[in-house]
Amino acid sequence: GIRIVALGGTMGEAEGRSKPESNA
């Protein structure tokens, strides 16, 4: 019953890239 929340990596606006990454 323990809820774990994760936010990994470092800050970097991925949405603004010219070739958007796929979800996968």
mmCIF file of all heavy atoms, coordinates in Angstrom:
data_MODEL
# 
_entry.id   MODEL 
# 
loop_
_atom_site.group_PDB 
_atom_site.id 
_atom_site.type_symbol 
_atom_site.label_atom_id 
_atom_site.label_alt_id 
_atom_site.label_comp_id 
_atom_site.label_asym_id 
_atom_site.label_entity_id 
_atom_site.label_seq_id 
_atom_site.pdbx_PDB_ins_code 
_atom_site.Cartn_x 
_atom_site.Cartn_y 
_atom_site.Cartn_z 
_atom_site.occupancy 
_atom_site.B_iso_or_equiv 
_atom_site.pdbx_formal_charge 
_atom_site.auth_seq_id 
_atom_site.auth_comp_id 
_atom_site.auth_asym_id 
_atom_site.auth_atom_id 
_atom_site.pdbx_PDB_model_num 
ATOM 1   N N   . GLY A 1 1  ? 0.789  -1.221 0.000   1.00 0.00 ? 1  GLY A N   1 
ATOM 2   C CA  . GLY A 1 1  ? 0.000  0.000  0.000   1.00 0.00 ? 1  GLY A CA  1 
ATOM 3   C C   . GLY A 1 1  ? 0.819  1.268  0.000   1.00 0.00 ? 1  GLY A C   1 
ATOM 4   O O   . GLY A 1 1  ? 0.289  2.357  0.254   1.00 0.00 ? 1  GLY A O   1 
ATOM 5   N N   . ILE A 1 2  ? 2.121  1.178  -0.277  1.00 0.00 ? 2  ILE A N   1 
ATOM 6   C CA  . ILE A 1 2  ? 3.000  2.349  -0.305  1.00 0.00 ? 2  ILE A CA  1 
ATOM 7   C C   . ILE A 1 2  ? 3.028  2.918  -1.717  1.00 0.00 ? 2  ILE A C   1 
ATOM 8   O O   . ILE A 1 2  ? 3.349  2.198  -2.674  1.00 0.00 ? 2  ILE A O   1 
ATOM 9   C CB  . ILE A 1 2  ? 4.419  1.978  0.153   1.00 0.00 ? 2  ILE A CB  1 
ATOM 10  C CG1 . ILE A 1 2  ? 4.394  1.536  1.624   1.00 0.00 ? 2  ILE A CG1 1 
ATOM 11  C CG2 . ILE A 1 2  ? 5.383  3.141  -0.051  1.00 0.00 ? 2  ILE A CG2 1 
ATOM 12  C CD1 . ILE A 1 2  ? 5.721  1.007  2.125   1.00 0.00 ? 2  ILE A CD1 1 
ATOM 13  N N   . ARG A 1 3  ? 2.694  4.197  -1.835  1.00 0.00 ? 3  ARG A N   1 
ATOM 14  C CA  . ARG A 1 3  ? 2.679  4.834  -3.163  1.00 0.00 ? 3  ARG A CA  1 
ATOM 15  C C   . ARG A 1 3  ? 4.014  5.521  -3.417  1.00 0.00 ? 3  ARG A C   1 
ATOM 16  O O   . ARG A 1 3  ? 4.451  6.369  -2.646  1.00 0.00 ? 3  ARG A O   1 
ATOM 17  C CB  . ARG A 1 3  ? 1.552  5.848  -3.287  1.00 0.00 ? 3  ARG A CB  1 
ATOM 18  C CG  . ARG A 1 3  ? 1.445  6.439  -4.714  1.00 0.00 ? 3  ARG A CG  1 
ATOM 19  C CD  . ARG A 1 3  ? 0.284  7.390  -4.833  1.00 0.00 ? 3  ARG A CD  1 
ATOM 20  N NE  . ARG A 1 3  ? -0.992 6.727  -4.660  1.00 0.00 ? 3  ARG A NE  1 
ATOM 21  C CZ  . ARG A 1 3  ? -1.621 6.036  -5.623  1.00 0.00 ? 3  ARG A CZ  1 
ATOM 22  N NH1 . ARG A 1 3  ? -1.070 5.910  -6.815  1.00 0.00 ? 3  ARG A NH1 1 
ATOM 23  N NH2 . ARG A 1 3  ? -2.781 5.478  -5.382  1.00 0.00 ? 3  ARG A NH2 1 
ATOM 24  N N   . ILE A 1 4  ? 4.640  5.158  -4.529  1.00 0.00 ? 4  ILE A N   1 
ATOM 25  C CA  . ILE A 1 4  ? 5.912  5.732  -4.953  1.00 0.00 ? 4  ILE A CA  1 
ATOM 26  C C   . ILE A 1 4  ? 5.665  6.595  -6.185  1.00 0.00 ? 4  ILE A C   1 
ATOM 27  O O   . ILE A 1 4  ? 4.988  6.154  -7.133  1.00 0.00 ? 4  ILE A O   1 
ATOM 28  C CB  . ILE A 1 4  ? 6.944  4.636  -5.289  1.00 0.00 ? 4  ILE A CB  1 
ATOM 29  C CG1 . ILE A 1 4  ? 7.147  3.702  -4.087  1.00 0.00 ? 4  ILE A CG1 1 
ATOM 30  C CG2 . ILE A 1 4  ? 8.270  5.246  -5.710  1.00 0.00 ? 4  ILE A CG2 1 
ATOM 31  C CD1 . ILE A 1 4  ? 7.999  2.494  -4.397  1.00 0.00 ? 4  ILE A CD1 1 
ATOM 32  N N   . VAL A 1 5  ? 6.179  7.809  -6.180  1.00 0.00 ? 5  VAL A N   1 
ATOM 33  C CA  . VAL A 1 5  ? 6.062  8.723  -7.318  1.00 0.00 ? 5  VAL A CA  1 
ATOM 34  C C   . VAL A 1 5  ? 7.463  9.081  -7.783  1.00 0.00 ? 5  VAL A C   1 
ATOM 35  O O   . VAL A 1 5  ? 8.341  9.382  -6.958  1.00 0.00 ? 5  VAL A O   1 
ATOM 36  C CB  . VAL A 1 5  ? 5.283  10.000 -6.932  1.00 0.00 ? 5  VAL A CB  1 
ATOM 37  C CG1 . VAL A 1 5  ? 5.224  10.964 -8.115  1.00 0.00 ? 5  VAL A CG1 1 
ATOM 38  C CG2 . VAL A 1 5  ? 3.878  9.640  -6.465  1.00 0.00 ? 5  VAL A CG2 1 
ATOM 39  N N   . ALA A 1 6  ? 7.690  9.043  -9.087  1.00 0.00 ? 6  ALA A N   1 
ATOM 40  C CA  . ALA A 1 6  ? 9.024  9.303  -9.631  1.00 0.00 ? 6  ALA A CA  1 
ATOM 41  C C   . ALA A 1 6  ? 8.982  10.401 -10.676 1.00 0.00 ? 6  ALA A C   1 
ATOM 42  O O   . ALA A 1 6  ? 8.047  10.477 -11.486 1.00 0.00 ? 6  ALA A O   1 
ATOM 43  C CB  . ALA A 1 6  ? 9.602  8.037  -10.244 1.00 0.00 ? 6  ALA A CB  1 
ATOM 44  N N   . LEU A 1 7  ? 10.002 11.265 -10.650 1.00 0.00 ? 7  LEU A N   1 
ATOM 45  C CA  . LEU A 1 7  ? 10.255 12.224 -11.726 1.00 0.00 ? 7  LEU A CA  1 
ATOM 46  C C   . LEU A 1 7  ? 11.749 12.161 -11.987 1.00 0.00 ? 7  LEU A C   1 
ATOM 47  O O   . LEU A 1 7  ? 12.548 12.773 -11.284 1.00 0.00 ? 7  LEU A O   1 
ATOM 48  C CB  . LEU A 1 7  ? 9.828  13.638 -11.329 1.00 0.00 ? 7  LEU A CB  1 
ATOM 49  C CG  . LEU A 1 7  ? 10.026 14.707 -12.408 1.00 0.00 ? 7  LEU A CG  1 
ATOM 50  C CD1 . LEU A 1 7  ? 9.174  14.397 -13.632 1.00 0.00 ? 7  LEU A CD1 1 
ATOM 51  C CD2 . LEU A 1 7  ? 9.691  16.091 -11.876 1.00 0.00 ? 7  LEU A CD2 1 
ATOM 52  N N   . GLY A 1 8  ? 12.122 11.380 -13.007 1.00 0.00 ? 8  GLY A N   1 
ATOM 53  C CA  . GLY A 1 8  ? 13.528 11.142 -13.269 1.00 0.00 ? 8  GLY A CA  1 
ATOM 54  C C   . GLY A 1 8  ? 14.113 12.077 -14.303 1.00 0.00 ? 8  GLY A C   1 
ATOM 55  O O   . GLY A 1 8  ? 13.418 12.853 -14.954 1.00 0.00 ? 8  GLY A O   1 
ATOM 56  N N   . GLY A 1 9  ? 15.434 12.000 -14.467 1.00 0.00 ? 9  GLY A N   1 
ATOM 57  C CA  . GLY A 1 9  ? 16.118 12.798 -15.461 1.00 0.00 ? 9  GLY A CA  1 
ATOM 58  C C   . GLY A 1 9  ? 16.425 14.207 -14.985 1.00 0.00 ? 9  GLY A C   1 
ATOM 59  O O   . GLY A 1 9  ? 16.301 14.537 -13.807 1.00 0.00 ? 9  GLY A O   1 
ATOM 60  N N   . THR A 1 10 ? 16.819 15.050 -15.929 1.00 0.00 ? 10 THR A N   1 
ATOM 61  C CA  . THR A 1 10 ? 17.149 16.445 -15.650 1.00 0.00 ? 10 THR A CA  1 
ATOM 62  C C   . THR A 1 10 ? 16.259 17.353 -16.481 1.00 0.00 ? 10 THR A C   1 
ATOM 63  O O   . THR A 1 10 ? 15.715 16.936 -17.506 1.00 0.00 ? 10 THR A O   1 
ATOM 64  C CB  . THR A 1 10 ? 18.624 16.742 -15.977 1.00 0.00 ? 10 THR A CB  1 
ATOM 65  O OG1 . THR A 1 10 ? 18.865 16.429 -17.365 1.00 0.00 ? 10 THR A OG1 1 
ATOM 66  C CG2 . THR A 1 10 ? 19.556 15.904 -15.116 1.00 0.00 ? 10 THR A CG2 1 
ATOM 67  N N   . MET A 1 11 ? 16.120 18.591 -16.040 1.00 0.00 ? 11 MET A N   1 
ATOM 68  C CA  . MET A 1 11 ? 15.240 19.528 -16.724 1.00 0.00 ? 11 MET A CA  1 
ATOM 69  C C   . MET A 1 11 ? 15.717 19.801 -18.143 1.00 0.00 ? 11 MET A C   1 
ATOM 70  O O   . MET A 1 11 ? 16.885 20.064 -18.395 1.00 0.00 ? 11 MET A O   1 
ATOM 71  C CB  . MET A 1 11 ? 15.175 20.843 -15.952 1.00 0.00 ? 11 MET A CB  1 
ATOM 72  C CG  . MET A 1 11 ? 14.470 21.972 -16.675 1.00 0.00 ? 11 MET A CG  1 
ATOM 73  S SD  . MET A 1 11 ? 12.734 21.653 -16.987 1.00 0.00 ? 11 MET A SD  1 
ATOM 74  C CE  . MET A 1 11 ? 12.050 22.042 -15.382 1.00 0.00 ? 11 MET A CE  1 
ATOM 75  N N   . GLY A 1 12 ? 14.783 19.707 -19.099 1.00 0.00 ? 12 GLY A N   1 
ATOM 76  C CA  . GLY A 1 12 ? 15.085 19.985 -20.500 1.00 0.00 ? 12 GLY A CA  1 
ATOM 77  C C   . GLY A 1 12 ? 13.821 19.903 -21.295 1.00 0.00 ? 12 GLY A C   1 
ATOM 78  O O   . GLY A 1 12 ? 13.152 18.862 -21.305 1.00 0.00 ? 12 GLY A O   1 
ATOM 79  N N   . GLU A 1 13 ? 13.440 20.981 -21.957 1.00 0.00 ? 13 GLU A N   1 
ATOM 80  C CA  . GLU A 1 13 ? 12.156 21.028 -22.656 1.00 0.00 ? 13 GLU A CA  1 
ATOM 81  C C   . GLU A 1 13 ? 12.160 20.133 -23.876 1.00 0.00 ? 13 GLU A C   1 
ATOM 82  O O   . GLU A 1 13 ? 12.570 20.499 -24.961 1.00 0.00 ? 13 GLU A O   1 
ATOM 83  C CB  . GLU A 1 13 ? 11.823 22.467 -23.069 1.00 0.00 ? 13 GLU A CB  1 
ATOM 84  C CG  . GLU A 1 13 ? 11.539 23.381 -21.905 1.00 0.00 ? 13 GLU A CG  1 
ATOM 85  C CD  . GLU A 1 13 ? 10.209 23.048 -21.236 1.00 0.00 ? 13 GLU A CD  1 
ATOM 86  O OE1 . GLU A 1 13 ? 9.366  22.405 -21.880 1.00 0.00 ? 13 GLU A OE1 1 
ATOM 87  O OE2 . GLU A 1 13 ? 10.028 23.438 -20.080 1.00 0.00 ? 13 GLU A OE2 1 
ATOM 88  N N   . ALA A 1 14 ? 11.641 18.930 -23.718 1.00 0.00 ? 14 ALA A N   1 
ATOM 89  C CA  . ALA A 1 14 ? 11.605 17.990 -24.836 1.00 0.00 ? 14 ALA A CA  1 
ATOM 90  C C   . ALA A 1 14 ? 10.568 18.379 -25.868 1.00 0.00 ? 14 ALA A C   1 
ATOM 91  O O   . ALA A 1 14 ? 10.693 18.089 -27.040 1.00 0.00 ? 14 ALA A O   1 
ATOM 92  C CB  . ALA A 1 14 ? 11.303 16.576 -24.315 1.00 0.00 ? 14 ALA A CB  1 
ATOM 93  N N   . GLU A 1 15 ? 9.467  19.091 -25.411 1.00 0.00 ? 15 GLU A N   1 
ATOM 94  C CA  . GLU A 1 15 ? 8.387  19.384 -26.349 1.00 0.00 ? 15 GLU A CA  1 
ATOM 95  C C   . GLU A 1 15 ? 8.822  20.310 -27.475 1.00 0.00 ? 15 GLU A C   1 
ATOM 96  O O   . GLU A 1 15 ? 8.256  20.310 -28.546 1.00 0.00 ? 15 GLU A O   1 
ATOM 97  C CB  . GLU A 1 15 ? 7.202  20.032 -25.610 1.00 0.00 ? 15 GLU A CB  1 
ATOM 98  C CG  . GLU A 1 15 ? 6.556  19.139 -24.597 1.00 0.00 ? 15 GLU A CG  1 
ATOM 99  C CD  . GLU A 1 15 ? 6.941  19.580 -23.201 1.00 0.00 ? 15 GLU A CD  1 
ATOM 100 O OE1 . GLU A 1 15 ? 8.130  19.768 -22.939 1.00 0.00 ? 15 GLU A OE1 1 
ATOM 101 O OE2 . GLU A 1 15 ? 6.025  19.745 -22.380 1.00 0.00 ? 15 GLU A OE2 1 
ATOM 102 N N   . GLY A 1 16 ? 9.852  21.104 -27.243 1.00 0.00 ? 16 GLY A N   1 
ATOM 103 C CA  . GLY A 1 16 ? 10.230 22.114 -28.213 1.00 0.00 ? 16 GLY A CA  1 
ATOM 104 C C   . GLY A 1 16 ? 11.175 21.621 -29.283 1.00 0.00 ? 16 GLY A C   1 
ATOM 105 O O   . GLY A 1 16 ? 11.623 22.389 -30.115 1.00 0.00 ? 16 GLY A O   1 
ATOM 106 N N   . ARG A 1 17 ? 11.489 20.344 -29.302 1.00 0.00 ? 17 ARG A N   1 
ATOM 107 C CA  . ARG A 1 17 ? 12.460 19.850 -30.288 1.00 0.00 ? 17 ARG A CA  1 
ATOM 108 C C   . ARG A 1 17 ? 11.818 19.787 -31.671 1.00 0.00 ? 17 ARG A C   1 
ATOM 109 O O   . ARG A 1 17 ? 10.620 19.586 -31.830 1.00 0.00 ? 17 ARG A O   1 
ATOM 110 C CB  . ARG A 1 17 ? 12.942 18.462 -29.869 1.00 0.00 ? 17 ARG A CB  1 
ATOM 111 C CG  . ARG A 1 17 ? 13.682 18.493 -28.533 1.00 0.00 ? 17 ARG A CG  1 
ATOM 112 C CD  . ARG A 1 17 ? 14.207 17.138 -28.169 1.00 0.00 ? 17 ARG A CD  1 
ATOM 113 N NE  . ARG A 1 17 ? 14.914 17.190 -26.889 1.00 0.00 ? 17 ARG A NE  1 
ATOM 114 C CZ  . ARG A 1 17 ? 15.514 16.159 -26.334 1.00 0.00 ? 17 ARG A CZ  1 
ATOM 115 N NH1 . ARG A 1 17 ? 15.512 14.994 -26.942 1.00 0.00 ? 17 ARG A NH1 1 
ATOM 116 N NH2 . ARG A 1 17 ? 16.115 16.291 -25.166 1.00 0.00 ? 17 ARG A NH2 1 
ATOM 117 N N   . SER A 1 18 ? 12.673 19.913 -32.693 1.00 0.00 ? 18 SER A N   1 
ATOM 118 C CA  . SER A 1 18 ? 12.160 19.943 -34.057 1.00 0.00 ? 18 SER A CA  1 
ATOM 119 C C   . SER A 1 18 ? 11.576 18.593 -34.467 1.00 0.00 ? 18 SER A C   1 
ATOM 120 O O   . SER A 1 18 ? 10.653 18.527 -35.264 1.00 0.00 ? 18 SER A O   1 
ATOM 121 C CB  . SER A 1 18 ? 13.284 20.326 -35.032 1.00 0.00 ? 18 SER A CB  1 
ATOM 122 O OG  . SER A 1 18 ? 14.382 19.425 -34.893 1.00 0.00 ? 18 SER A OG  1 
ATOM 123 N N   . LYS A 1 19 ? 12.115 17.492 -33.922 1.00 0.00 ? 19 LYS A N   1 
ATOM 124 C CA  . LYS A 1 19 ? 11.579 16.170 -34.206 1.00 0.00 ? 19 LYS A CA  1 
ATOM 125 C C   . LYS A 1 19 ? 11.043 15.580 -32.908 1.00 0.00 ? 19 LYS A C   1 
ATOM 126 O O   . LYS A 1 19 ? 11.804 15.022 -32.113 1.00 0.00 ? 19 LYS A O   1 
ATOM 127 C CB  . LYS A 1 19 ? 12.657 15.252 -34.792 1.00 0.00 ? 19 LYS A CB  1 
ATOM 128 C CG  . LYS A 1 19 ? 13.132 15.687 -36.172 1.00 0.00 ? 19 LYS A CG  1 
ATOM 129 C CD  . LYS A 1 19 ? 14.132 14.705 -36.719 1.00 0.00 ? 19 LYS A CD  1 
ATOM 130 C CE  . LYS A 1 19 ? 14.594 15.116 -38.110 1.00 0.00 ? 19 LYS A CE  1 
ATOM 131 N NZ  . LYS A 1 19 ? 15.574 14.166 -38.666 1.00 0.00 ? 19 LYS A NZ  1 
ATOM 132 N N   . PRO A 1 20 ? 9.760  15.738 -32.679 1.00 0.00 ? 20 PRO A N   1 
ATOM 133 C CA  . PRO A 1 20 ? 9.208  15.268 -31.411 1.00 0.00 ? 20 PRO A CA  1 
ATOM 134 C C   . PRO A 1 20 ? 9.469  13.788 -31.206 1.00 0.00 ? 20 PRO A C   1 
ATOM 135 O O   . PRO A 1 20 ? 9.372  12.983 -32.131 1.00 0.00 ? 20 PRO A O   1 
ATOM 136 C CB  . PRO A 1 20 ? 7.704  15.557 -31.566 1.00 0.00 ? 20 PRO A CB  1 
ATOM 137 C CG  . PRO A 1 20 ? 7.607  16.627 -32.594 1.00 0.00 ? 20 PRO A CG  1 
ATOM 138 C CD  . PRO A 1 20 ? 8.730  16.365 -33.538 1.00 0.00 ? 20 PRO A CD  1 
ATOM 139 N N   . GLU A 1 21 ? 9.791  13.447 -29.950 1.00 0.00 ? 21 GLU A N   1 
ATOM 140 C CA  . GLU A 1 21 ? 10.051 12.054 -29.629 1.00 0.00 ? 21 GLU A CA  1 
ATOM 141 C C   . GLU A 1 21 ? 8.743  11.282 -29.569 1.00 0.00 ? 21 GLU A C   1 
ATOM 142 O O   . GLU A 1 21 ? 7.706  11.802 -29.187 1.00 0.00 ? 21 GLU A O   1 
ATOM 143 C CB  . GLU A 1 21 ? 10.753 11.961 -28.269 1.00 0.00 ? 21 GLU A CB  1 
ATOM 144 C CG  . GLU A 1 21 ? 12.090 12.668 -28.234 1.00 0.00 ? 21 GLU A CG  1 
ATOM 145 C CD  . GLU A 1 21 ? 12.596 12.778 -26.819 1.00 0.00 ? 21 GLU A CD  1 
ATOM 146 O OE1 . GLU A 1 21 ? 11.797 13.105 -25.932 1.00 0.00 ? 21 GLU A OE1 1 
ATOM 147 O OE2 . GLU A 1 21 ? 13.785 12.537 -26.609 1.00 0.00 ? 21 GLU A OE2 1 
ATOM 148 N N   . SER A 1 22 ? 8.794  10.022 -29.933 1.00 0.00 ? 22 SER A N   1 
ATOM 149 C CA  . SER A 1 22 ? 7.614  9.185  -29.767 1.00 0.00 ? 22 SER A CA  1 
ATOM 150 C C   . SER A 1 22 ? 7.420  8.909  -28.295 1.00 0.00 ? 22 SER A C   1 
ATOM 151 O O   . SER A 1 22 ? 8.338  9.049  -27.488 1.00 0.00 ? 22 SER A O   1 
ATOM 152 C CB  . SER A 1 22 ? 7.801  7.860  -30.524 1.00 0.00 ? 22 SER A CB  1 
ATOM 153 O OG  . SER A 1 22 ? 8.823  7.089  -29.900 1.00 0.00 ? 22 SER A OG  1 
ATOM 154 N N   . ASN A 1 23 ? 6.224  8.502  -27.927 1.00 0.00 ? 23 ASN A N   1 
ATOM 155 C CA  . ASN A 1 23 ? 5.957  8.212  -26.516 1.00 0.00 ? 23 ASN A CA  1 
ATOM 156 C C   . ASN A 1 23 ? 6.886  7.120  -26.006 1.00 0.00 ? 23 ASN A C   1 
ATOM 157 O O   . ASN A 1 23 ? 7.336  7.147  -24.883 1.00 0.00 ? 23 ASN A O   1 
ATOM 158 C CB  . ASN A 1 23 ? 4.502  7.790  -26.334 1.00 0.00 ? 23 ASN A CB  1 
ATOM 159 C CG  . ASN A 1 23 ? 3.552  8.960  -26.553 1.00 0.00 ? 23 ASN A CG  1 
ATOM 160 O OD1 . ASN A 1 23 ? 3.944  10.097 -26.393 1.00 0.00 ? 23 ASN A OD1 1 
ATOM 161 N ND2 . ASN A 1 23 ? 2.319  8.662  -26.930 1.00 0.00 ? 23 ASN A ND2 1 
ATOM 162 N N   . ALA A 1 24 ? 7.158  6.139  -26.856 1.00 0.00 ? 24 ALA A N   1 
ATOM 163 C CA  . ALA A 1 24 ? 7.980  5.008  -26.422 1.00 0.00 ? 24 ALA A CA  1 
ATOM 164 C C   . ALA A 1 24 ? 9.410  5.438  -26.151 1.00 0.00 ? 24 ALA A C   1 
ATOM 165 O O   . ALA A 1 24 ? 9.983  5.125  -25.125 1.00 0.00 ? 24 ALA A O   1 
ATOM 166 C CB  . ALA A 1 24 ? 7.947  3.898  -27.475 1.00 0.00 ? 24 ALA A CB  1 
# 
